[in-house]
Amino acid sequence: MIPYFPQPEYHLFGPFTVHAFGTIVAVAVIVGWRMVVARARAKRLDPELVQDLLSYVLLCG
């Protein structure tokens, strides 16, 4: 059985709550996005085209 460890939550105001896992996922997406664009520039690809592709991938899952 996998043990369950409760994740911290931050109650901002009203019904809005920020979960630690969601924050980690958001940071990972931003760091990955920047890494892909930097690698595209290093390989002399069009960064705008790569960012368009990344936005489609992010929206479509």
PDB file of N, CA and C in Angstrom:
ATOM      1  N   MET A   1       0.840  -1.167   0.000  1.00  0.00           N
ATOM      2  CA  MET A   1       0.000   0.000   0.000  1.00  0.00           C
ATOM      3  C   MET A   1       0.893   1.241   0.000  1.00  0.00           C
ATOM      4  N   ILE A   2       0.527   2.216  -0.792  1.00  0.00           N
ATOM      5  CA  ILE A   2       1.274   3.464  -0.864  1.00  0.00           C
ATOM      6  C   ILE A   2       0.779   4.402   0.242  1.00  0.00           C
ATOM      7  N   PRO A   3       1.669   4.890   1.077  1.00  0.00           N
ATOM      8  CA  PRO A   3       1.218   5.785   2.150  1.00  0.00           C
ATOM      9  C   PRO A   3       0.761   7.129   1.589  1.00  0.00           C
ATOM     10  N   TYR A   4      -0.208   7.706   2.232  1.00  0.00           N
ATOM     11  CA  TYR A   4      -0.729   9.006   1.819  1.00  0.00           C
ATOM     12  C   TYR A   4      -0.190  10.076   2.754  1.00  0.00           C
ATOM     13  N   PHE A   5       0.440  11.070   2.172  1.00  0.00           N
ATOM     14  CA  PHE A   5       0.917  12.207   2.942  1.00  0.00           C
ATOM     15  C   PHE A   5       0.093  13.416   2.544  1.00  0.00           C
ATOM     16  N   PRO A   6      -0.583  14.045   3.490  1.00  0.00           N
ATOM     17  CA  PRO A   6      -1.389  15.213   3.134  1.00  0.00           C
ATOM     18  C   PRO A   6      -0.516  16.344   2.598  1.00  0.00           C
ATOM     19  N   GLN A   7      -0.977  16.957   1.529  1.00  0.00           N
ATOM     20  CA  GLN A   7      -0.255  18.061   0.903  1.00  0.00           C
ATOM     21  C   GLN A   7      -0.721  19.376   1.520  1.00  0.00           C
ATOM     22  N   PRO A   8       0.197  20.329   1.685  1.00  0.00           N
ATOM     23  CA  PRO A   8      -0.204  21.611   2.271  1.00  0.00           C
ATOM     24  C   PRO A   8      -1.091  22.407   1.319  1.00  0.00           C
ATOM     25  N   GLU A   9      -1.991  23.152   1.907  1.00  0.00           N
ATOM     26  CA  GLU A   9      -2.888  24.028   1.164  1.00  0.00           C
ATOM     27  C   GLU A   9      -2.765  25.431   1.723  1.00  0.00           C
ATOM     28  N   TYR A  10      -2.913  26.404   0.851  1.00  0.00           N
ATOM     29  CA  TYR A  10      -2.866  27.798   1.269  1.00  0.00           C
ATOM     30  C   TYR A  10      -4.183  28.452   0.899  1.00  0.00           C
ATOM     31  N   HIS A  11      -4.925  28.886   1.898  1.00  0.00           N
ATOM     32  CA  HIS A  11      -6.203  29.547   1.667  1.00  0.00           C
ATOM     33  C   HIS A  11      -5.937  31.032   1.463  1.00  0.00           C
ATOM     34  N   LEU A  12      -6.211  31.497   0.256  1.00  0.00           N
ATOM     35  CA  LEU A  12      -5.927  32.894  -0.054  1.00  0.00           C
ATOM     36  C   LEU A  12      -7.040  33.789   0.451  1.00  0.00           C
ATOM     37  N   PHE A  13      -8.152  33.767  -0.231  1.00  0.00           N
ATOM     38  CA  PHE A  13      -9.302  34.549   0.204  1.00  0.00           C
ATOM     39  C   PHE A  13     -10.536  33.914  -0.407  1.00  0.00           C
ATOM     40  N   GLY A  14     -11.601  33.897   0.367  1.00  0.00           N
ATOM     41  CA  GLY A  14     -12.836  33.298  -0.123  1.00  0.00           C
ATOM     42  C   GLY A  14     -12.652  31.822  -0.439  1.00  0.00           C
ATOM     43  N   PRO A  15     -13.191  31.388  -1.567  1.00  0.00           N
ATOM     44  CA  PRO A  15     -13.110  29.962  -1.907  1.00  0.00           C
ATOM     45  C   PRO A  15     -11.810  29.549  -2.600  1.00  0.00           C
ATOM     46  N   PHE A  16     -10.863  30.463  -2.763  1.00  0.00           N
ATOM     47  CA  PHE A  16      -9.643  30.166  -3.509  1.00  0.00           C
ATOM     48  C   PHE A  16      -8.596  29.517  -2.608  1.00  0.00           C
ATOM     49  N   THR A  17      -8.123  28.360  -3.044  1.00  0.00           N
ATOM     50  CA  THR A  17      -7.100  27.620  -2.319  1.00  0.00           C
ATOM     51  C   THR A  17      -5.995  27.237  -3.293  1.00  0.00           C
ATOM     52  N   VAL A  18      -4.756  27.420  -2.885  1.00  0.00           N
ATOM     53  CA  VAL A  18      -3.613  27.022  -3.701  1.00  0.00           C
ATOM     54  C   VAL A  18      -3.030  25.758  -3.084  1.00  0.00           C
ATOM     55  N   HIS A  19      -2.969  24.687  -3.887  1.00  0.00           N
ATOM     56  CA  HIS A  19      -2.414  23.424  -3.428  1.00  0.00           C
ATOM     57  C   HIS A  19      -0.941  23.348  -3.816  1.00  0.00           C
ATOM     58  N   ALA A  20      -0.141  22.689  -2.999  1.00  0.00           N
ATOM     59  CA  ALA A  20       1.299  22.587  -3.247  1.00  0.00           C
ATOM     60  C   ALA A  20       1.586  21.842  -4.543  1.00  0.00           C
ATOM     61  N   PHE A  21       0.839  20.781  -4.832  1.00  0.00           N
ATOM     62  CA  PHE A  21       1.077  20.016  -6.051  1.00  0.00           C
ATOM     63  C   PHE A  21       0.811  20.864  -7.291  1.00  0.00           C
ATOM     64  N   GLY A  22      -0.235  21.669  -7.268  1.00  0.00           N
ATOM     65  CA  GLY A  22      -0.526  22.547  -8.398  1.00  0.00           C
ATOM     66  C   GLY A  22       0.564  23.576  -8.620  1.00  0.00           C
ATOM     67  N   THR A  23       1.132  24.082  -7.543  1.00  0.00           N
ATOM     68  CA  THR A  23       2.231  25.041  -7.657  1.00  0.00           C
ATOM     69  C   THR A  23       3.462  24.383  -8.273  1.00  0.00           C
ATOM     70  N   ILE A  24       3.756  23.159  -7.863  1.00  0.00           N
ATOM     71  CA  ILE A  24       4.907  22.443  -8.413  1.00  0.00           C
ATOM     72  C   ILE A  24       4.707  22.161  -9.894  1.00  0.00           C
ATOM     73  N   VAL A  25       3.511  21.769 -10.292  1.00  0.00           N
ATOM     74  CA  VAL A  25       3.228  21.504 -11.705  1.00  0.00           C
ATOM     75  C   VAL A  25       3.361  22.783 -12.521  1.00  0.00           C
ATOM     76  N   ALA A  26       2.856  23.900 -12.014  1.00  0.00           N
ATOM     77  CA  ALA A  26       2.957  25.169 -12.739  1.00  0.00           C
ATOM     78  C   ALA A  26       4.415  25.585 -12.921  1.00  0.00           C
ATOM     79  N   VAL A  27       5.223  25.434 -11.891  1.00  0.00           N
ATOM     80  CA  VAL A  27       6.648  25.773 -12.000  1.00  0.00           C
ATOM     81  C   VAL A  27       7.336  24.853 -13.006  1.00  0.00           C
ATOM     82  N   ALA A  28       6.994  23.571 -13.004  1.00  0.00           N
ATOM     83  CA  ALA A  28       7.597  22.626 -13.948  1.00  0.00           C
ATOM     84  C   ALA A  28       7.235  22.971 -15.385  1.00  0.00           C
ATOM     85  N   VAL A  29       6.003  23.390 -15.629  1.00  0.00           N
ATOM     86  CA  VAL A  29       5.588  23.779 -16.981  1.00  0.00           C
ATOM     87  C   VAL A  29       6.361  25.010 -17.436  1.00  0.00           C
ATOM     88  N   ILE A  30       6.508  25.995 -16.564  1.00  0.00           N
ATOM     89  CA  ILE A  30       7.225  27.225 -16.931  1.00  0.00           C
ATOM     90  C   ILE A  30       8.698  26.930 -17.208  1.00  0.00           C
ATOM     91  N   VAL A  31       9.335  26.129 -16.353  1.00  0.00           N
ATOM     92  CA  VAL A  31      10.750  25.796 -16.556  1.00  0.00           C
ATOM     93  C   VAL A  31      10.929  24.982 -17.833  1.00  0.00           C
ATOM     94  N   GLY A  32      10.053  24.016 -18.067  1.00  0.00           N
ATOM     95  CA  GLY A  32      10.133  23.219 -19.286  1.00  0.00           C
ATOM     96  C   GLY A  32       9.935  24.051 -20.532  1.00  0.00           C
ATOM     97  N   TRP A  33       8.991  24.983 -20.482  1.00  0.00           N
ATOM     98  CA  TRP A  33       8.732  25.887 -21.609  1.00  0.00           C
ATOM     99  C   TRP A  33       9.995  26.671 -21.959  1.00  0.00           C
ATOM    100  N   ARG A  34      10.614  27.243 -20.932  1.00  0.00           N
ATOM    101  CA  ARG A  34      11.826  28.045 -21.160  1.00  0.00           C
ATOM    102  C   ARG A  34      12.977  27.184 -21.683  1.00  0.00           C
ATOM    103  N   MET A  35      13.086  25.955 -21.209  1.00  0.00           N
ATOM    104  CA  MET A  35      14.143  25.071 -21.689  1.00  0.00           C
ATOM    105  C   MET A  35      13.946  24.702 -23.159  1.00  0.00           C
ATOM    106  N   VAL A  36      12.708  24.440 -23.551  1.00  0.00           N
ATOM    107  CA  VAL A  36      12.436  24.083 -24.945  1.00  0.00           C
ATOM    108  C   VAL A  36      12.717  25.262 -25.864  1.00  0.00           C
ATOM    109  N   VAL A  37      12.326  26.456 -25.468  1.00  0.00           N
ATOM    110  CA  VAL A  37      12.583  27.640 -26.298  1.00  0.00           C
ATOM    111  C   VAL A  37      14.086  27.901 -26.392  1.00  0.00           C
ATOM    112  N   ALA A  38      14.813  27.730 -25.303  1.00  0.00           N
ATOM    113  CA  ALA A  38      16.268  27.922 -25.337  1.00  0.00           C
ATOM    114  C   ALA A  38      16.934  26.892 -26.245  1.00  0.00           C
ATOM    115  N   ARG A  39      16.473  25.665 -26.201  1.00  0.00           N
ATOM    116  CA  ARG A  39      17.046  24.634 -27.070  1.00  0.00           C
ATOM    117  C   ARG A  39      16.701  24.904 -28.532  1.00  0.00           C
ATOM    118  N   ALA A  40      15.514  25.437 -28.782  1.00  0.00           N
ATOM    119  CA  ALA A  40      15.144  25.784 -30.162  1.00  0.00           C
ATOM    120  C   ALA A  40      16.048  26.895 -30.695  1.00  0.00           C
ATOM    121  N   ARG A  41      16.342  27.870 -29.858  1.00  0.00           N
ATOM    122  CA  ARG A  41      17.255  28.941 -30.287  1.00  0.00           C
ATOM    123  C   ARG A  41      18.650  28.388 -30.555  1.00  0.00           C
ATOM    124  N   ALA A  42      19.099  27.456 -29.735  1.00  0.00           N
ATOM    125  CA  ALA A  42      20.426  26.867 -29.920  1.00  0.00           C
ATOM    126  C   ALA A  42      20.510  26.074 -31.221  1.00  0.00           C
ATOM    127  N   LYS A  43      19.395  25.482 -31.628  1.00  0.00           N
ATOM    128  CA  LYS A  43      19.373  24.710 -32.871  1.00  0.00           C
ATOM    129  C   LYS A  43      18.922  25.550 -34.062  1.00  0.00           C
ATOM    130  N   ARG A  44      18.835  26.862 -33.848  1.00  0.00           N
ATOM    131  CA  ARG A  44      18.473  27.832 -34.883  1.00  0.00           C
ATOM    132  C   ARG A  44      17.087  27.582 -35.478  1.00  0.00           C
ATOM    133  N   LEU A  45      16.148  27.233 -34.622  1.00  0.00           N
ATOM    134  CA  LEU A  45      14.749  27.118 -35.014  1.00  0.00           C
ATOM    135  C   LEU A  45      14.037  28.407 -34.643  1.00  0.00           C
ATOM    136  N   ASP A  46      12.897  28.639 -35.261  1.00  0.00           N
ATOM    137  CA  ASP A  46      12.124  29.846 -34.990  1.00  0.00           C
ATOM    138  C   ASP A  46      11.471  29.727 -33.606  1.00  0.00           C
ATOM    139  N   PRO A  47      11.861  30.565 -32.634  1.00  0.00           N
ATOM    140  CA  PRO A  47      11.292  30.454 -31.280  1.00  0.00           C
ATOM    141  C   PRO A  47       9.789  30.719 -31.239  1.00  0.00           C
ATOM    142  N   GLU A  48       9.291  31.598 -32.093  1.00  0.00           N
ATOM    143  CA  GLU A  48       7.850  31.878 -32.094  1.00  0.00           C
ATOM    144  C   GLU A  48       7.062  30.659 -32.556  1.00  0.00           C
ATOM    145  N   LEU A  49       7.578  29.950 -33.548  1.00  0.00           N
ATOM    146  CA  LEU A  49       6.919  28.740 -34.023  1.00  0.00           C
ATOM    147  C   LEU A  49       6.906  27.674 -32.930  1.00  0.00           C
ATOM    148  N   VAL A  50       8.005  27.555 -32.212  1.00  0.00           N
ATOM    149  CA  VAL A  50       8.091  26.582 -31.123  1.00  0.00           C
ATOM    150  C   VAL A  50       7.131  26.962 -29.999  1.00  0.00           C
ATOM    151  N   GLN A  51       7.016  28.242 -29.686  1.00  0.00           N
ATOM    152  CA  GLN A  51       6.090  28.665 -28.642  1.00  0.00           C
ATOM    153  C   GLN A  51       4.645  28.429 -29.057  1.00  0.00           C
ATOM    154  N   ASP A  52       4.334  28.617 -30.332  1.00  0.00           N
ATOM    155  CA  ASP A  52       2.987  28.305 -30.809  1.00  0.00           C
ATOM    156  C   ASP A  52       2.690  26.817 -30.637  1.00  0.00           C
ATOM    157  N   LEU A  53       3.653  25.988 -31.001  1.00  0.00           N
ATOM    158  CA  LEU A  53       3.479  24.548 -30.838  1.00  0.00           C
ATOM    159  C   LEU A  53       3.307  24.183 -29.361  1.00  0.00           C
ATOM    160  N   LEU A  54       4.094  24.790 -28.492  1.00  0.00           N
ATOM    161  CA  LEU A  54       3.984  24.513 -27.059  1.00  0.00           C
ATOM    162  C   LEU A  54       2.627  24.926 -26.505  1.00  0.00           C
ATOM    163  N   SER A  55       2.094  26.036 -26.975  1.00  0.00           N
ATOM    164  CA  SER A  55       0.780  26.460 -26.479  1.00  0.00           C
ATOM    165  C   SER A  55      -0.305  25.486 -26.918  1.00  0.00           C
ATOM    166  N   TYR A  56      -0.206  24.947 -28.151  1.00  0.00           N
ATOM    167  CA  TYR A  56      -1.171  23.932 -28.588  1.00  0.00           C
ATOM    168  C   TYR A  56      -1.031  22.660 -27.751  1.00  0.00           C
ATOM    169  N   VAL A  57       0.191  22.263 -27.487  1.00  0.00           N
ATOM    170  CA  VAL A  57       0.423  21.062 -26.682  1.00  0.00           C
ATOM    171  C   VAL A  57      -0.116  21.256 -25.265  1.00  0.00           C
ATOM    172  N   LEU A  58       0.096  22.422 -24.689  1.00  0.00           N
ATOM    173  CA  LEU A  58      -0.375  22.693 -23.332  1.00  0.00           C
ATOM    174  C   LEU A  58      -1.902  22.704 -23.269  1.00  0.00           C
ATOM    175  N   LEU A  59      -2.540  23.305 -24.264  1.00  0.00           N
ATOM    176  CA  LEU A  59      -4.001  23.382 -24.260  1.00  0.00           C
ATOM    177  C   LEU A  59      -4.658  22.034 -24.551  1.00  0.00           C
ATOM    178  N   CYS A  60      -4.047  21.246 -25.413  1.00  0.00           N
ATOM    179  CA  CYS A  60      -4.656  19.969 -25.809  1.00  0.00           C
ATOM    180  C   CYS A  60      -4.259  18.809 -24.904  1.00  0.00           C
ATOM    181  N   GLY A  61      -3.240  19.009 -24.117  1.00  0.00           N
ATOM    182  CA  GLY A  61      -2.855  17.988 -23.155  1.00  0.00           C
ATOM    183  C   GLY A  61      -1.876  17.028 -23.719  1.00  0.00           C
TER     184      GLY A  61
END
